Amino acid sequence: MQNQKSSLIRYDLIPQRGLNEVNKVLTSKLDKHEVNEWMKGLKWTEVISSLKKHLTAFELGEDYTPEGNLSIAEVAANALILA
């Protein structure tokens, strides 16, 4: 059994700069998608495909997408959608 202190969720541990970059990614998608459209359901394979595409780009040294978002922030956004 966990003690009460370790069961509390710590929101202050999220790196705010990284979270801001993820928010930029999600905001940039509003040109094509409705707000929180992903919550209505979509194929997880499409999200995995996007995650892998952006991770590969990052690994190949492409820090930014053609839209100007950080490639790794695109990865993080996709991972959060899957969570």
Protein backbone atom coordinates (compact mmCIF):
# COMPACT_ATOMS: atom_id res chain seq x y z
CA MET A 1 0.00 0.00 0.00
CA GLN A 2 1.34 3.42 -0.96
CA ASN A 3 1.52 6.12 1.62
CA GLN A 4 -0.65 9.19 1.13
CA LYS A 5 2.26 11.44 0.10
CA SER A 6 3.34 9.20 -2.79
CA SER A 7 -0.22 8.86 -4.08
CA LEU A 8 -0.66 12.60 -4.65
CA ILE A 9 -0.35 13.71 -8.25
CA ARG A 10 2.37 16.36 -8.68
CA TYR A 11 1.49 18.73 -11.52
CA ASP A 12 4.50 20.91 -10.78
CA LEU A 13 6.78 18.21 -12.21
CA ILE A 14 5.74 18.84 -15.82
CA PRO A 15 8.35 20.94 -17.63
CA GLN A 16 6.35 24.04 -18.56
CA ARG A 17 8.45 24.88 -21.63
CA GLY A 18 7.76 21.42 -23.03
CA LEU A 19 4.09 21.67 -22.20
CA ASN A 20 3.97 25.05 -23.93
CA GLU A 21 5.45 23.47 -27.08
CA VAL A 22 2.80 20.71 -26.98
CA ASN A 23 0.11 23.38 -26.65
CA LYS A 24 1.55 25.13 -29.73
CA VAL A 25 1.22 21.86 -31.66
CA LEU A 26 -2.37 21.31 -30.58
CA THR A 27 -3.26 24.94 -31.31
CA SER A 28 -1.76 24.71 -34.80
CA LYS A 29 -4.02 21.75 -35.57
CA LEU A 30 -7.15 23.91 -35.11
CA ASP A 31 -6.85 25.04 -38.75
CA LYS A 32 -7.80 21.51 -39.82
CA HIS A 33 -9.57 20.00 -36.80
CA GLU A 34 -12.17 20.93 -34.20
CA VAL A 35 -11.16 21.61 -30.61
CA ASN A 36 -10.47 18.28 -28.87
CA GLU A 37 -11.65 16.36 -31.94
CA TRP A 38 -9.38 13.49 -30.88
CA MET A 39 -11.64 12.93 -27.85
CA LYS A 40 -14.47 11.87 -30.18
CA GLY A 41 -12.44 8.86 -31.17
CA LEU A 42 -9.96 8.07 -33.88
CA LYS A 43 -7.86 5.13 -34.94
CA TRP A 44 -4.96 4.75 -32.54
CA THR A 45 -2.91 3.45 -35.47
CA GLU A 46 -3.14 6.90 -37.06
CA VAL A 47 -1.81 8.49 -33.89
CA ILE A 48 1.01 5.91 -33.66
CA SER A 49 1.87 6.56 -37.31
CA SER A 50 2.09 10.30 -36.70
CA LEU A 51 4.15 9.76 -33.54
CA LYS A 52 6.60 7.52 -35.41
CA LYS A 53 6.82 9.95 -38.34
CA HIS A 54 7.77 12.84 -36.07
CA LEU A 55 10.10 10.72 -33.94
CA THR A 56 11.92 9.58 -37.08
CA ALA A 57 12.22 13.18 -38.26
CA PHE A 58 13.64 14.16 -34.86
CA GLU A 59 16.11 11.27 -34.93
CA LEU A 60 17.23 12.35 -38.40
CA GLY A 61 17.99 15.83 -37.10
CA GLU A 62 14.83 17.64 -38.17
CA ASP A 63 14.14 19.75 -35.12
CA TYR A 64 11.16 21.55 -36.66
CA THR A 65 8.21 20.51 -38.81
CA PRO A 66 7.40 22.44 -42.00
CA GLU A 67 4.67 24.18 -39.93
CA GLY A 68 7.30 25.43 -37.47
CA ASN A 69 6.48 23.12 -34.55
CA LEU A 70 9.16 21.21 -32.68
CA SER A 71 9.23 17.64 -33.99
CA ILE A 72 9.64 16.27 -30.47
CA ALA A 73 6.60 18.31 -29.34
CA GLU A 74 4.59 16.59 -32.07
CA VAL A 75 5.77 13.26 -30.61
CA ALA A 76 4.73 14.35 -27.12
CA ALA A 77 1.32 15.55 -28.31
CA ASN A 78 0.65 12.21 -29.97
CA ALA A 79 1.80 10.32 -26.88
CA LEU A 80 -0.55 12.36 -24.70
CA ILE A 81 -3.46 11.64 -27.03
CA LEU A 82 -2.73 7.93 -26.63
CA ALA A 83 -2.42 8.14 -22.82
